[in-house]
Amino acid sequence: MSSRDSTNKIKLDNEKRVHMINAIKEYFANEREEDLGDLAASLILDFFIEKLGTEIYNQAVRDSYVYMNEKIQDLFEIEKH
C-alpha cells in the first residue's frame, strides 16, 4: 500500500472517528493531564492511522490467514476413508 495512494488509505466513518478523537482527548486528560482540542486529537489520530494503519492491517491479514489455515486443517480431520 503506497502512502501516496489515497484509495488504500484507512478511512473511519464519522461516528468511529468522533469516538476515537474523544478517546484520544480522554487519554491525554487522564494520563498526561493535558487538555487537547478536537483539532489536535484529530491530527494525532491521522498521524497514527498513517504511520501504523498499514502495519495493523497487514497483521490482521496474517492472523486471518493463520486462522483460516487452521480451519482448513480441521476439515481434513473429518475426511472419511
N, C-alpha and C. Protein backbone atom coordinates (compact mmCIF):
# COMPACT_ATOMS: atom_id res chain seq x y z
N MET A 1 0.86 -1.17 0.00
CA MET A 1 0.00 0.00 0.00
C MET A 1 0.91 1.23 0.00
N SER A 2 0.80 2.03 -1.00
CA SER A 2 1.59 3.25 -1.10
C SER A 2 1.01 4.34 -0.22
N SER A 3 1.89 5.08 0.46
CA SER A 3 1.39 6.16 1.32
C SER A 3 0.77 7.28 0.49
N ARG A 4 1.07 7.29 -0.81
CA ARG A 4 0.52 8.33 -1.67
C ARG A 4 -0.79 7.91 -2.31
N ASP A 5 -1.14 6.63 -2.22
CA ASP A 5 -2.34 6.12 -2.85
C ASP A 5 -3.52 6.28 -1.90
N SER A 6 -4.32 7.31 -2.12
CA SER A 6 -5.42 7.62 -1.21
C SER A 6 -6.54 6.60 -1.27
N THR A 7 -6.60 5.78 -2.33
CA THR A 7 -7.65 4.78 -2.40
C THR A 7 -7.43 3.66 -1.38
N ASN A 8 -6.20 3.47 -0.93
CA ASN A 8 -5.90 2.44 0.06
C ASN A 8 -5.81 2.98 1.46
N LYS A 9 -6.04 4.25 1.64
CA LYS A 9 -5.95 4.85 2.97
C LYS A 9 -7.07 4.33 3.86
N ILE A 10 -6.72 4.02 5.08
CA ILE A 10 -7.72 3.56 6.04
C ILE A 10 -8.63 4.72 6.38
N LYS A 11 -9.93 4.49 6.22
CA LYS A 11 -10.91 5.54 6.49
C LYS A 11 -11.85 5.07 7.58
N LEU A 12 -12.17 5.95 8.49
CA LEU A 12 -13.14 5.67 9.55
C LEU A 12 -14.42 6.41 9.23
N ASP A 13 -15.55 5.77 9.51
CA ASP A 13 -16.79 6.53 9.34
C ASP A 13 -16.84 7.61 10.43
N ASN A 14 -17.67 8.59 10.25
CA ASN A 14 -17.68 9.76 11.11
C ASN A 14 -17.92 9.38 12.58
N GLU A 15 -18.81 8.45 12.83
CA GLU A 15 -19.12 8.06 14.21
C GLU A 15 -17.89 7.45 14.89
N LYS A 16 -17.18 6.57 14.19
CA LYS A 16 -15.98 5.96 14.75
C LYS A 16 -14.87 7.00 14.93
N ARG A 17 -14.77 7.90 13.97
CA ARG A 17 -13.74 8.94 14.05
C ARG A 17 -13.97 9.82 15.28
N VAL A 18 -15.21 10.24 15.48
CA VAL A 18 -15.54 11.07 16.65
C VAL A 18 -15.24 10.30 17.93
N HIS A 19 -15.60 9.02 17.95
CA HIS A 19 -15.32 8.19 19.13
C HIS A 19 -13.82 8.13 19.42
N MET A 20 -13.01 7.91 18.37
CA MET A 20 -11.56 7.82 18.56
C MET A 20 -10.97 9.16 18.99
N ILE A 21 -11.44 10.26 18.44
CA ILE A 21 -10.97 11.58 18.84
C ILE A 21 -11.27 11.81 20.32
N ASN A 22 -12.48 11.45 20.74
CA ASN A 22 -12.83 11.59 22.15
C ASN A 22 -11.97 10.70 23.04
N ALA A 23 -11.65 9.49 22.56
CA ALA A 23 -10.79 8.58 23.33
C ALA A 23 -9.38 9.16 23.47
N ILE A 24 -8.87 9.77 22.43
CA ILE A 24 -7.54 10.39 22.49
C ILE A 24 -7.56 11.55 23.47
N LYS A 25 -8.58 12.37 23.40
CA LYS A 25 -8.69 13.51 24.33
C LYS A 25 -8.78 13.01 25.77
N GLU A 26 -9.55 11.95 26.00
CA GLU A 26 -9.69 11.39 27.34
C GLU A 26 -8.36 10.82 27.83
N TYR A 27 -7.65 10.13 26.95
CA TYR A 27 -6.35 9.57 27.32
C TYR A 27 -5.39 10.68 27.76
N PHE A 28 -5.29 11.72 26.95
CA PHE A 28 -4.38 12.81 27.29
C PHE A 28 -4.78 13.50 28.58
N ALA A 29 -6.07 13.64 28.80
CA ALA A 29 -6.55 14.27 30.04
C ALA A 29 -6.22 13.41 31.26
N ASN A 30 -6.45 12.11 31.15
CA ASN A 30 -6.25 11.21 32.30
C ASN A 30 -4.79 10.85 32.53
N GLU A 31 -4.05 10.58 31.48
CA GLU A 31 -2.69 10.08 31.62
C GLU A 31 -1.62 11.16 31.61
N ARG A 32 -1.89 12.26 30.95
CA ARG A 32 -0.88 13.30 30.82
C ARG A 32 -1.32 14.64 31.40
N GLU A 33 -2.57 14.67 31.88
CA GLU A 33 -3.13 15.91 32.42
C GLU A 33 -3.01 17.06 31.43
N GLU A 34 -3.29 16.75 30.17
CA GLU A 34 -3.28 17.74 29.09
C GLU A 34 -4.66 17.77 28.45
N ASP A 35 -5.15 18.97 28.23
CA ASP A 35 -6.41 19.13 27.52
C ASP A 35 -6.13 19.35 26.05
N LEU A 36 -6.64 18.45 25.22
CA LEU A 36 -6.49 18.58 23.77
C LEU A 36 -7.82 19.02 23.18
N GLY A 37 -7.73 19.83 22.16
CA GLY A 37 -8.92 20.19 21.40
C GLY A 37 -9.18 19.14 20.34
N ASP A 38 -10.30 19.29 19.68
CA ASP A 38 -10.67 18.35 18.63
C ASP A 38 -9.63 18.31 17.50
N LEU A 39 -9.12 19.46 17.11
CA LEU A 39 -8.15 19.51 16.02
C LEU A 39 -6.88 18.75 16.39
N ALA A 40 -6.34 18.99 17.57
CA ALA A 40 -5.11 18.31 17.98
C ALA A 40 -5.32 16.81 18.05
N ALA A 41 -6.44 16.38 18.63
CA ALA A 41 -6.73 14.95 18.73
C ALA A 41 -6.93 14.34 17.34
N SER A 42 -7.55 15.08 16.44
CA SER A 42 -7.76 14.62 15.07
C SER A 42 -6.43 14.45 14.35
N LEU A 43 -5.52 15.38 14.55
CA LEU A 43 -4.19 15.28 13.92
C LEU A 43 -3.40 14.10 14.47
N ILE A 44 -3.53 13.83 15.76
CA ILE A 44 -2.86 12.66 16.36
C ILE A 44 -3.45 11.38 15.76
N LEU A 45 -4.77 11.32 15.65
CA LEU A 45 -5.41 10.16 15.05
C LEU A 45 -4.93 9.94 13.62
N ASP A 46 -4.91 11.00 12.83
CA ASP A 46 -4.44 10.90 11.44
C ASP A 46 -3.00 10.42 11.38
N PHE A 47 -2.16 10.92 12.29
CA PHE A 47 -0.75 10.51 12.34
C PHE A 47 -0.64 9.01 12.57
N PHE A 48 -1.37 8.50 13.57
CA PHE A 48 -1.28 7.08 13.88
C PHE A 48 -1.87 6.20 12.79
N ILE A 49 -2.95 6.65 12.18
CA ILE A 49 -3.51 5.89 11.06
C ILE A 49 -2.49 5.82 9.93
N GLU A 50 -1.85 6.94 9.63
CA GLU A 50 -0.86 6.97 8.55
C GLU A 50 0.35 6.11 8.87
N LYS A 51 0.85 6.21 10.10
CA LYS A 51 2.09 5.51 10.46
C LYS A 51 1.88 4.05 10.84
N LEU A 52 0.74 3.71 11.44
CA LEU A 52 0.53 2.36 11.94
C LEU A 52 -0.55 1.59 11.19
N GLY A 53 -1.39 2.28 10.48
CA GLY A 53 -2.54 1.64 9.84
C GLY A 53 -2.16 0.46 8.96
N THR A 54 -1.16 0.62 8.12
CA THR A 54 -0.75 -0.45 7.21
C THR A 54 -0.22 -1.65 7.99
N GLU A 55 0.56 -1.40 9.02
CA GLU A 55 1.10 -2.50 9.82
C GLU A 55 -0.01 -3.26 10.53
N ILE A 56 -0.96 -2.55 11.10
CA ILE A 56 -2.08 -3.20 11.79
C ILE A 56 -2.91 -4.00 10.79
N TYR A 57 -3.17 -3.42 9.64
CA TYR A 57 -3.93 -4.11 8.60
C TYR A 57 -3.22 -5.39 8.17
N ASN A 58 -1.92 -5.28 7.90
CA ASN A 58 -1.15 -6.44 7.45
C ASN A 58 -1.11 -7.53 8.51
N GLN A 59 -1.01 -7.15 9.78
CA GLN A 59 -1.02 -8.14 10.85
C GLN A 59 -2.38 -8.85 10.90
N ALA A 60 -3.45 -8.10 10.70
CA ALA A 60 -4.79 -8.70 10.68
C ALA A 60 -4.92 -9.68 9.52
N VAL A 61 -4.35 -9.36 8.37
CA VAL A 61 -4.38 -10.27 7.23
C VAL A 61 -3.61 -11.55 7.56
N ARG A 62 -2.42 -11.41 8.16
CA ARG A 62 -1.63 -12.58 8.55
C ARG A 62 -2.38 -13.44 9.58
N ASP A 63 -2.98 -12.80 10.57
CA ASP A 63 -3.74 -13.53 11.59
C ASP A 63 -4.92 -14.27 10.96
N SER A 64 -5.59 -13.63 10.01
CA SER A 64 -6.72 -14.27 9.32
C SER A 64 -6.24 -15.47 8.51
N TYR A 65 -5.10 -15.33 7.88
CA TYR A 65 -4.52 -16.43 7.10
C TYR A 65 -4.24 -17.63 7.99
N VAL A 66 -3.62 -17.41 9.13
CA VAL A 66 -3.32 -18.49 10.08
C VAL A 66 -4.63 -19.14 10.54
N TYR A 67 -5.60 -18.33 10.91
CA TYR A 67 -6.89 -18.84 11.38
C TYR A 67 -7.56 -19.70 10.31
N MET A 68 -7.60 -19.20 9.09
CA MET A 68 -8.26 -19.94 8.01
C MET A 68 -7.52 -21.25 7.72
N ASN A 69 -6.20 -21.23 7.76
CA ASN A 69 -5.44 -22.47 7.54
C ASN A 69 -5.74 -23.49 8.63
N GLU A 70 -5.89 -23.06 9.86
CA GLU A 70 -6.24 -23.98 10.94
C GLU A 70 -7.62 -24.59 10.69
N LYS A 71 -8.56 -23.78 10.22
CA LYS A 71 -9.90 -24.29 9.94
C LYS A 71 -9.89 -25.27 8.77
N ILE A 72 -9.07 -25.02 7.78
CA ILE A 72 -8.96 -25.94 6.64
C ILE A 72 -8.38 -27.27 7.11
N GLN A 73 -7.41 -27.23 8.01
CA GLN A 73 -6.87 -28.46 8.57
C GLN A 73 -7.94 -29.23 9.32
N ASP A 74 -8.82 -28.50 10.02
CA ASP A 74 -9.93 -29.15 10.72
C ASP A 74 -10.82 -29.92 9.74
N LEU A 75 -11.00 -29.39 8.52
CA LEU A 75 -11.80 -30.09 7.51
C LEU A 75 -11.18 -31.42 7.13
N PHE A 76 -9.87 -31.45 7.00
CA PHE A 76 -9.19 -32.69 6.65
C PHE A 76 -9.35 -33.75 7.75
N GLU A 77 -9.51 -33.33 8.97
CA GLU A 77 -9.66 -34.27 10.07
C GLU A 77 -11.01 -34.99 10.04
N ILE A 78 -11.99 -34.41 9.40
CA ILE A 78 -13.29 -35.08 9.33
C ILE A 78 -13.48 -35.87 8.04
N GLU A 79 -12.43 -35.90 7.24
CA GLU A 79 -12.48 -36.64 5.99
C GLU A 79 -12.69 -38.14 6.27
N LYS A 80 -13.57 -38.77 5.49
CA LYS A 80 -13.85 -40.19 5.66
C LYS A 80 -12.96 -40.99 4.73
N HIS A 81 -12.49 -42.12 5.24
CA HIS A 81 -11.62 -43.00 4.44
C HIS A 81 -12.26 -44.33 4.25
